[in-house]
Amino acid sequence: DLRGLEWASALAGCLTLAVGYAQALQMSAGLIAAFIT
């Protein structure tokens, strides 16, 4: 699934930036887990 892999890599990169943002705001581990899901 080449197209799926390319989109997954791009979108995960965007969402990972948001994980760093959430960590800086000191969101709880549970909230970050919910965000990822």
PDB file of all heavy atoms in Angstrom:
ATOM      1  N   ASP A   1       0.843  -1.195   0.000  1.00  0.00           N
ATOM      2  CA  ASP A   1       0.000   0.000   0.000  1.00  0.00           C
ATOM      3  C   ASP A   1       0.879   1.246   0.000  1.00  0.00           C
ATOM      4  O   ASP A   1       1.036   1.927   1.016  1.00  0.00           O
ATOM      5  CB  ASP A   1      -0.925  -0.019   1.219  1.00  0.00           C
ATOM      6  CG  ASP A   1      -1.866   1.187   1.250  1.00  0.00           C
ATOM      7  OD1 ASP A   1      -2.111   1.784   0.177  1.00  0.00           O
ATOM      8  OD2 ASP A   1      -2.354   1.526   2.350  1.00  0.00           O
ATOM      9  N   LEU A   2       1.442   1.545  -1.146  1.00  0.00           N
ATOM     10  CA  LEU A   2       2.343   2.688  -1.254  1.00  0.00           C
ATOM     11  C   LEU A   2       1.643   3.991  -0.904  1.00  0.00           C
ATOM     12  O   LEU A   2       2.160   4.801  -0.128  1.00  0.00           O
ATOM     13  CB  LEU A   2       2.924   2.760  -2.671  1.00  0.00           C
ATOM     14  CG  LEU A   2       3.725   4.021  -3.014  1.00  0.00           C
ATOM     15  CD1 LEU A   2       4.891   4.221  -2.066  1.00  0.00           C
ATOM     16  CD2 LEU A   2       4.208   3.959  -4.468  1.00  0.00           C
ATOM     17  N   ARG A   3       0.481   4.221  -1.471  1.00  0.00           N
ATOM     18  CA  ARG A   3      -0.206   5.489  -1.202  1.00  0.00           C
ATOM     19  C   ARG A   3      -0.558   5.613   0.283  1.00  0.00           C
ATOM     20  O   ARG A   3      -0.397   6.678   0.888  1.00  0.00           O
ATOM     21  CB  ARG A   3      -1.472   5.602  -2.062  1.00  0.00           C
ATOM     22  CG  ARG A   3      -2.152   6.966  -1.947  1.00  0.00           C
ATOM     23  CD  ARG A   3      -3.246   7.111  -2.990  1.00  0.00           C
ATOM     24  NE  ARG A   3      -2.688   7.126  -4.323  1.00  0.00           N
ATOM     25  CZ  ARG A   3      -2.220   8.207  -4.934  1.00  0.00           C
ATOM     26  NH1 ARG A   3      -2.236   9.376  -4.316  1.00  0.00           N
ATOM     27  NH2 ARG A   3      -1.748   8.146  -6.158  1.00  0.00           N
ATOM     28  N   GLY A   4      -1.020   4.531   0.876  1.00  0.00           N
ATOM     29  CA  GLY A   4      -1.330   4.570   2.292  1.00  0.00           C
ATOM     30  C   GLY A   4      -0.111   4.879   3.140  1.00  0.00           C
ATOM     31  O   GLY A   4      -0.189   5.634   4.118  1.00  0.00           O
ATOM     32  N   LEU A   5       1.040   4.298   2.763  1.00  0.00           N
ATOM     33  CA  LEU A   5       2.274   4.556   3.502  1.00  0.00           C
ATOM     34  C   LEU A   5       2.692   6.018   3.389  1.00  0.00           C
ATOM     35  O   LEU A   5       3.090   6.647   4.383  1.00  0.00           O
ATOM     36  CB  LEU A   5       3.391   3.657   2.988  1.00  0.00           C
ATOM     37  CG  LEU A   5       4.782   3.904   3.582  1.00  0.00           C
ATOM     38  CD1 LEU A   5       4.778   3.630   5.087  1.00  0.00           C
ATOM     39  CD2 LEU A   5       5.842   3.066   2.892  1.00  0.00           C
ATOM     40  N   GLU A   6       2.612   6.579   2.187  1.00  0.00           N
ATOM     41  CA  GLU A   6       3.008   7.973   1.994  1.00  0.00           C
ATOM     42  C   GLU A   6       2.122   8.920   2.799  1.00  0.00           C
ATOM     43  O   GLU A   6       2.606   9.861   3.436  1.00  0.00           O
ATOM     44  CB  GLU A   6       2.974   8.328   0.506  1.00  0.00           C
ATOM     45  CG  GLU A   6       4.066   7.647  -0.298  1.00  0.00           C
ATOM     46  CD  GLU A   6       4.033   8.017  -1.760  1.00  0.00           C
ATOM     47  OE1 GLU A   6       3.181   7.477  -2.499  1.00  0.00           O
ATOM     48  OE2 GLU A   6       4.857   8.834  -2.183  1.00  0.00           O
ATOM     49  N   TRP A   7       0.815   8.680   2.767  1.00  0.00           N
ATOM     50  CA  TRP A   7      -0.089   9.530   3.535  1.00  0.00           C
ATOM     51  C   TRP A   7       0.087   9.301   5.025  1.00  0.00           C
ATOM     52  O   TRP A   7       0.031  10.250   5.813  1.00  0.00           O
ATOM     53  CB  TRP A   7      -1.537   9.289   3.100  1.00  0.00           C
ATOM     54  CG  TRP A   7      -1.898  10.093   1.896  1.00  0.00           C
ATOM     55  CD1 TRP A   7      -1.619   9.795   0.593  1.00  0.00           C
ATOM     56  CD2 TRP A   7      -2.572  11.357   1.878  1.00  0.00           C
ATOM     57  NE1 TRP A   7      -2.086  10.788  -0.235  1.00  0.00           N
ATOM     58  CE2 TRP A   7      -2.680  11.751   0.524  1.00  0.00           C
ATOM     59  CE3 TRP A   7      -3.110  12.164   2.861  1.00  0.00           C
ATOM     60  CZ2 TRP A   7      -3.293  12.941   0.146  1.00  0.00           C
ATOM     61  CZ3 TRP A   7      -3.734  13.353   2.489  1.00  0.00           C
ATOM     62  CH2 TRP A   7      -3.817  13.731   1.148  1.00  0.00           C
ATOM     63  N   ALA A   8       0.293   8.056   5.432  1.00  0.00           N
ATOM     64  CA  ALA A   8       0.514   7.767   6.855  1.00  0.00           C
ATOM     65  C   ALA A   8       1.751   8.502   7.362  1.00  0.00           C
ATOM     66  O   ALA A   8       1.726   9.106   8.440  1.00  0.00           O
ATOM     67  CB  ALA A   8       0.659   6.261   7.075  1.00  0.00           C
ATOM     68  N   SER A   9       2.839   8.462   6.605  1.00  0.00           N
ATOM     69  CA  SER A   9       4.073   9.132   7.025  1.00  0.00           C
ATOM     70  C   SER A   9       3.877  10.631   7.147  1.00  0.00           C
ATOM     71  O   SER A   9       4.323  11.262   8.116  1.00  0.00           O
ATOM     72  CB  SER A   9       5.199   8.837   6.025  1.00  0.00           C
ATOM     73  OG  SER A   9       5.520   7.464   6.023  1.00  0.00           O
ATOM     74  N   ALA A  10       3.191  11.212   6.159  1.00  0.00           N
ATOM     75  CA  ALA A  10       2.971  12.660   6.173  1.00  0.00           C
ATOM     76  C   ALA A  10       2.057  13.072   7.318  1.00  0.00           C
ATOM     77  O   ALA A  10       2.342  14.026   8.058  1.00  0.00           O
ATOM     78  CB  ALA A  10       2.391  13.101   4.836  1.00  0.00           C
ATOM     79  N   LEU A  11       0.937  12.360   7.480  1.00  0.00           N
ATOM     80  CA  LEU A  11      -0.024  12.733   8.511  1.00  0.00           C
ATOM     81  C   LEU A  11       0.527  12.470   9.909  1.00  0.00           C
ATOM     82  O   LEU A  11       0.314  13.273  10.834  1.00  0.00           O
ATOM     83  CB  LEU A  11      -1.333  11.965   8.298  1.00  0.00           C
ATOM     84  CG  LEU A  11      -2.074  12.257   6.983  1.00  0.00           C
ATOM     85  CD1 LEU A  11      -3.328  11.408   6.881  1.00  0.00           C
ATOM     86  CD2 LEU A  11      -2.417  13.737   6.850  1.00  0.00           C
ATOM     87  N   ALA A  12       1.238  11.356  10.086  1.00  0.00           N
ATOM     88  CA  ALA A  12       1.832  11.068  11.397  1.00  0.00           C
ATOM     89  C   ALA A  12       2.862  12.122  11.769  1.00  0.00           C
ATOM     90  O   ALA A  12       2.989  12.485  12.950  1.00  0.00           O
ATOM     91  CB  ALA A  12       2.458   9.678  11.398  1.00  0.00           C
ATOM     92  N   GLY A  13       3.602  12.617  10.785  1.00  0.00           N
ATOM     93  CA  GLY A  13       4.549  13.689  11.063  1.00  0.00           C
ATOM     94  C   GLY A  13       3.850  14.932  11.587  1.00  0.00           C
ATOM     95  O   GLY A  13       4.320  15.580  12.531  1.00  0.00           O
ATOM     96  N   CYS A  14       2.698  15.259  10.988  1.00  0.00           N
ATOM     97  CA  CYS A  14       1.920  16.416  11.458  1.00  0.00           C
ATOM     98  C   CYS A  14       1.424  16.199  12.880  1.00  0.00           C
ATOM     99  O   CYS A  14       1.522  17.083  13.740  1.00  0.00           O
ATOM    100  CB  CYS A  14       0.732  16.642  10.537  1.00  0.00           C
ATOM    101  SG  CYS A  14       1.144  17.105   8.839  1.00  0.00           S
ATOM    102  N   LEU A  15       0.880  15.024  13.131  1.00  0.00           N
ATOM    103  CA  LEU A  15       0.290  14.744  14.435  1.00  0.00           C
ATOM    104  C   LEU A  15       1.349  14.597  15.518  1.00  0.00           C
ATOM    105  O   LEU A  15       1.092  14.884  16.695  1.00  0.00           O
ATOM    106  CB  LEU A  15      -0.574  13.485  14.338  1.00  0.00           C
ATOM    107  CG  LEU A  15      -1.787  13.635  13.395  1.00  0.00           C
ATOM    108  CD1 LEU A  15      -2.447  12.284  13.157  1.00  0.00           C
ATOM    109  CD2 LEU A  15      -2.790  14.636  13.950  1.00  0.00           C
ATOM    110  N   THR A  16       2.542  14.164  15.135  1.00  0.00           N
ATOM    111  CA  THR A  16       3.636  14.085  16.108  1.00  0.00           C
ATOM    112  C   THR A  16       4.018  15.471  16.594  1.00  0.00           C
ATOM    113  O   THR A  16       4.361  15.665  17.776  1.00  0.00           O
ATOM    114  CB  THR A  16       4.848  13.374  15.482  1.00  0.00           C
ATOM    115  OG1 THR A  16       4.489  12.018  15.210  1.00  0.00           O
ATOM    116  CG2 THR A  16       6.046  13.385  16.402  1.00  0.00           C
ATOM    117  N   LEU A  17       3.983  16.446  15.708  1.00  0.00           N
ATOM    118  CA  LEU A  17       4.224  17.823  16.139  1.00  0.00           C
ATOM    119  C   LEU A  17       3.226  18.211  17.226  1.00  0.00           C
ATOM    120  O   LEU A  17       3.573  18.860  18.215  1.00  0.00           O
ATOM    121  CB  LEU A  17       4.117  18.758  14.938  1.00  0.00           C
ATOM    122  CG  LEU A  17       4.436  20.241  15.167  1.00  0.00           C
ATOM    123  CD1 LEU A  17       5.066  20.842  13.916  1.00  0.00           C
ATOM    124  CD2 LEU A  17       3.184  21.035  15.528  1.00  0.00           C
ATOM    125  N   ALA A  18       1.975  17.762  17.063  1.00  0.00           N
ATOM    126  CA  ALA A  18       0.957  18.067  18.061  1.00  0.00           C
ATOM    127  C   ALA A  18       1.221  17.360  19.383  1.00  0.00           C
ATOM    128  O   ALA A  18       0.867  17.874  20.448  1.00  0.00           O
ATOM    129  CB  ALA A  18      -0.422  17.679  17.532  1.00  0.00           C
ATOM    130  N   VAL A  19       1.833  16.167  19.331  1.00  0.00           N
ATOM    131  CA  VAL A  19       2.201  15.474  20.564  1.00  0.00           C
ATOM    132  C   VAL A  19       3.216  16.307  21.355  1.00  0.00           C
ATOM    133  O   VAL A  19       3.103  16.476  22.579  1.00  0.00           O
ATOM    134  CB  VAL A  19       2.763  14.071  20.268  1.00  0.00           C
ATOM    135  CG1 VAL A  19       3.365  13.442  21.526  1.00  0.00           C
ATOM    136  CG2 VAL A  19       1.664  13.163  19.710  1.00  0.00           C
ATOM    137  N   GLY A  20       4.217  16.838  20.654  1.00  0.00           N
ATOM    138  CA  GLY A  20       5.187  17.709  21.315  1.00  0.00           C
ATOM    139  C   GLY A  20       4.522  18.944  21.897  1.00  0.00           C
ATOM    140  O   GLY A  20       4.861  19.394  23.000  1.00  0.00           O
ATOM    141  N   TYR A  21       3.551  19.485  21.188  1.00  0.00           N
ATOM    142  CA  TYR A  21       2.796  20.639  21.657  1.00  0.00           C
ATOM    143  C   TYR A  21       2.044  20.288  22.938  1.00  0.00           C
ATOM    144  O   TYR A  21       2.072  21.040  23.922  1.00  0.00           O
ATOM    145  CB  TYR A  21       1.831  21.048  20.550  1.00  0.00           C
ATOM    146  CG  TYR A  21       1.035  22.299  20.808  1.00  0.00           C
ATOM    147  CD1 TYR A  21       1.562  23.554  20.549  1.00  0.00           C
ATOM    148  CD2 TYR A  21      -0.273  22.216  21.276  1.00  0.00           C
ATOM    149  CE1 TYR A  21       0.825  24.705  20.754  1.00  0.00           C
ATOM    150  CE2 TYR A  21      -1.027  23.361  21.486  1.00  0.00           C
ATOM    151  CZ  TYR A  21      -0.472  24.604  21.224  1.00  0.00           C
ATOM    152  OH  TYR A  21      -1.198  25.735  21.429  1.00  0.00           O
ATOM    153  N   ALA A  22       1.393  19.120  22.930  1.00  0.00           N
ATOM    154  CA  ALA A  22       0.625  18.685  24.102  1.00  0.00           C
ATOM    155  C   ALA A  22       1.537  18.441  25.296  1.00  0.00           C
ATOM    156  O   ALA A  22       1.190  18.764  26.443  1.00  0.00           O
ATOM    157  CB  ALA A  22      -0.162  17.421  23.762  1.00  0.00           C
ATOM    158  N   GLN A  23       2.707  17.867  25.049  1.00  0.00           N
ATOM    159  CA  GLN A  23       3.651  17.629  26.136  1.00  0.00           C
ATOM    160  C   GLN A  23       4.121  18.942  26.755  1.00  0.00           C
ATOM    161  O   GLN A  23       4.284  19.045  27.971  1.00  0.00           O
ATOM    162  CB  GLN A  23       4.840  16.809  25.636  1.00  0.00           C
ATOM    163  CG  GLN A  23       4.486  15.362  25.304  1.00  0.00           C
ATOM    164  CD  GLN A  23       5.628  14.604  24.662  1.00  0.00           C
ATOM    165  OE1 GLN A  23       6.541  15.201  24.071  1.00  0.00           O
ATOM    166  NE2 GLN A  23       5.595  13.283  24.745  1.00  0.00           N
ATOM    167  N   ALA A  24       4.329  19.952  25.922  1.00  0.00           N
ATOM    168  CA  ALA A  24       4.755  21.254  26.442  1.00  0.00           C
ATOM    169  C   ALA A  24       3.677  21.887  27.307  1.00  0.00           C
ATOM    170  O   ALA A  24       3.976  22.621  28.245  1.00  0.00           O
ATOM    171  CB  ALA A  24       5.126  22.192  25.295  1.00  0.00           C
ATOM    172  N   LEU A  25       2.403  21.585  26.986  1.00  0.00           N
ATOM    173  CA  LEU A  25       1.298  22.090  27.794  1.00  0.00           C
ATOM    174  C   LEU A  25       1.073  21.241  29.030  1.00  0.00           C
ATOM    175  O   LEU A  25       0.158  21.510  29.809  1.00  0.00           O
ATOM    176  CB  LEU A  25       0.012  22.132  26.964  1.00  0.00           C
ATOM    177  CG  LEU A  25      -0.001  23.070  25.754  1.00  0.00           C
ATOM    178  CD1 LEU A  25      -1.349  23.002  25.061  1.00  0.00           C
ATOM    179  CD2 LEU A  25       0.323  24.497  26.162  1.00  0.00           C
ATOM    180  N   GLN A  26       1.896  20.197  29.189  1.00  0.00           N
ATOM    181  CA  GLN A  26       1.830  19.283  30.332  1.00  0.00           C
ATOM    182  C   GLN A  26       0.465  18.609  30.439  1.00  0.00           C
ATOM    183  O   GLN A  26      -0.096  18.435  31.532  1.00  0.00           O
ATOM    184  CB  GLN A  26       2.169  20.012  31.633  1.00  0.00           C
ATOM    185  CG  GLN A  26       3.600  20.550  31.644  1.00  0.00           C
ATOM    186  CD  GLN A  26       3.983  21.188  32.965  1.00  0.00           C
ATOM    187  OE1 GLN A  26       3.169  21.800  33.646  1.00  0.00           O
ATOM    188  NE2 GLN A  26       5.242  21.026  33.330  1.00  0.00           N
ATOM    189  N   MET A  27      -0.070  18.229  29.280  1.00  0.00           N
ATOM    190  CA  MET A  27      -1.293  17.434  29.288  1.00  0.00           C
ATOM    191  C   MET A  27      -1.004  16.064  29.887  1.00  0.00           C
ATOM    192  O   MET A  27       0.110  15.552  29.789  1.00  0.00           O
ATOM    193  CB  MET A  27      -1.827  17.271  27.857  1.00  0.00           C
ATOM    194  CG  MET A  27      -2.356  18.546  27.234  1.00  0.00           C
ATOM    195  SD  MET A  27      -3.093  18.228  25.607  1.00  0.00           S
ATOM    196  CE  MET A  27      -3.532  19.886  25.098  1.00  0.00           C
ATOM    197  N   SER A  28      -1.998  15.472  30.497  1.00  0.00           N
ATOM    198  CA  SER A  28      -1.812  14.175  31.137  1.00  0.00           C
ATOM    199  C   SER A  28      -1.541  13.096  30.097  1.00  0.00           C
ATOM    200  O   SER A  28      -1.898  13.237  28.917  1.00  0.00           O
ATOM    201  CB  SER A  28      -3.056  13.795  31.936  1.00  0.00           C
ATOM    202  OG  SER A  28      -4.145  13.526  31.060  1.00  0.00           O
ATOM    203  N   ALA A  29      -0.910  12.000  30.544  1.00  0.00           N
ATOM    204  CA  ALA A  29      -0.626  10.881  29.648  1.00  0.00           C
ATOM    205  C   ALA A  29      -1.911  10.319  29.056  1.00  0.00           C
ATOM    206  O   ALA A  29      -1.961   9.932  27.886  1.00  0.00           O
ATOM    207  CB  ALA A  29       0.135   9.792  30.400  1.00  0.00           C
ATOM    208  N   GLY A  30      -2.965  10.283  29.866  1.00  0.00           N
ATOM    209  CA  GLY A  30      -4.238   9.769  29.370  1.00  0.00           C
ATOM    210  C   GLY A  30      -4.818  10.631  28.272  1.00  0.00           C
ATOM    211  O   GLY A  30      -5.357  10.119  27.278  1.00  0.00           O
ATOM    212  N   LEU A  31      -4.711  11.950  28.414  1.00  0.00           N
ATOM    213  CA  LEU A  31      -5.239  12.851  27.394  1.00  0.00           C
ATOM    214  C   LEU A  31      -4.420  12.751  26.108  1.00  0.00           C
ATOM    215  O   LEU A  31      -4.970  12.784  25.004  1.00  0.00           O
ATOM    216  CB  LEU A  31      -5.240  14.291  27.911  1.00  0.00           C
ATOM    217  CG  LEU A  31      -5.980  15.313  27.047  1.00  0.00           C
ATOM    218  CD1 LEU A  31      -7.417  14.892  26.817  1.00  0.00           C
ATOM    219  CD2 LEU A  31      -5.927  16.691  27.683  1.00  0.00           C
ATOM    220  N   ILE A  32      -3.099  12.612  26.254  1.00  0.00           N
ATOM    221  CA  ILE A  32      -2.260  12.449  25.066  1.00  0.00           C
ATOM    222  C   ILE A  32      -2.585  11.131  24.370  1.00  0.00           C
ATOM    223  O   ILE A  32      -2.647  11.060  23.133  1.00  0.00           O
ATOM    224  CB  ILE A  32      -0.768  12.523  25.445  1.00  0.00           C
ATOM    225  CG1 ILE A  32      -0.411  13.955  25.875  1.00  0.00           C
ATOM    226  CG2 ILE A  32       0.114  12.109  24.267  1.00  0.00           C
ATOM    227  CD1 ILE A  32       1.007  14.119  26.364  1.00  0.00           C
ATOM    228  N   ALA A  33      -2.842  10.071  25.140  1.00  0.00           N
ATOM    229  CA  ALA A  33      -3.232   8.789  24.551  1.00  0.00           C
ATOM    230  C   ALA A  33      -4.544   8.927  23.793  1.00  0.00           C
ATOM    231  O   ALA A  33      -4.711   8.381  22.689  1.00  0.00           O
ATOM    232  CB  ALA A  33      -3.354   7.732  25.639  1.00  0.00           C
ATOM    233  N   ALA A  34      -5.508   9.665  24.373  1.00  0.00           N
ATOM    234  CA  ALA A  34      -6.777   9.895  23.687  1.00  0.00           C
ATOM    235  C   ALA A  34      -6.569  10.691  22.412  1.00  0.00           C
ATOM    236  O   ALA A  34      -7.186  10.421  21.373  1.00  0.00           O
ATOM    237  CB  ALA A  34      -7.745  10.624  24.623  1.00  0.00           C
ATOM    238  N   PHE A  35      -5.688  11.693  22.492  1.00  0.00           N
ATOM    239  CA  PHE A  35      -5.381  12.499  21.306  1.00  0.00           C
ATOM    240  C   PHE A  35      -4.806  11.639  20.189  1.00  0.00           C
ATOM    241  O   PHE A  35      -5.219  11.736  19.027  1.00  0.00           O
ATOM    242  CB  PHE A  35      -4.402  13.611  21.669  1.00  0.00           C
ATOM    243  CG  PHE A  35      -3.886  14.362  20.484  1.00  0.00           C
ATOM    244  CD1 PHE A  35      -4.671  15.308  19.865  1.00  0.00           C
ATOM    245  CD2 PHE A  35      -2.629  14.087  19.963  1.00  0.00           C
ATOM    246  CE1 PHE A  35      -4.214  15.988  18.741  1.00  0.00           C
ATOM    247  CE2 PHE A  35      -2.163  14.762  18.852  1.00  0.00           C
ATOM    248  CZ  PHE A  35      -2.961  15.717  18.234  1.00  0.00           C
ATOM    249  N   ILE A  36      -3.848  10.761  20.530  1.00  0.00           N
ATOM    250  CA  ILE A  36      -3.234   9.896  19.523  1.00  0.00           C
ATOM    251  C   ILE A  36      -4.277   8.976  18.900  1.00  0.00           C
ATOM    252  O   ILE A  36      -4.345   8.812  17.674  1.00  0.00           O
ATOM    253  CB  ILE A  36      -2.074   9.090  20.139  1.00  0.00           C
ATOM    254  CG1 ILE A  36      -0.896  10.017  20.454  1.00  0.00           C
ATOM    255  CG2 ILE A  36      -1.633   7.956  19.203  1.00  0.00           C
ATOM    256  CD1 ILE A  36       0.241   9.330  21.178  1.00  0.00           C
ATOM    257  N   THR A  37      -5.125   8.373  19.744  1.00  0.00           N
ATOM    258  CA  THR A  37      -6.140   7.446  19.238  1.00  0.00           C
ATOM    259  C   THR A  37      -7.099   8.139  18.291  1.00  0.00           C
ATOM    260  O   THR A  37      -7.380   7.653  17.191  1.00  0.00           O
ATOM    261  CB  THR A  37      -6.916   6.829  20.415  1.00  0.00           C
ATOM    262  OG1 THR A  37      -6.005   6.146  21.272  1.00  0.00           O
ATOM    263  CG2 THR A  37      -7.958   5.841  19.917  1.00  0.00           C
TER     264      THR A  37
END
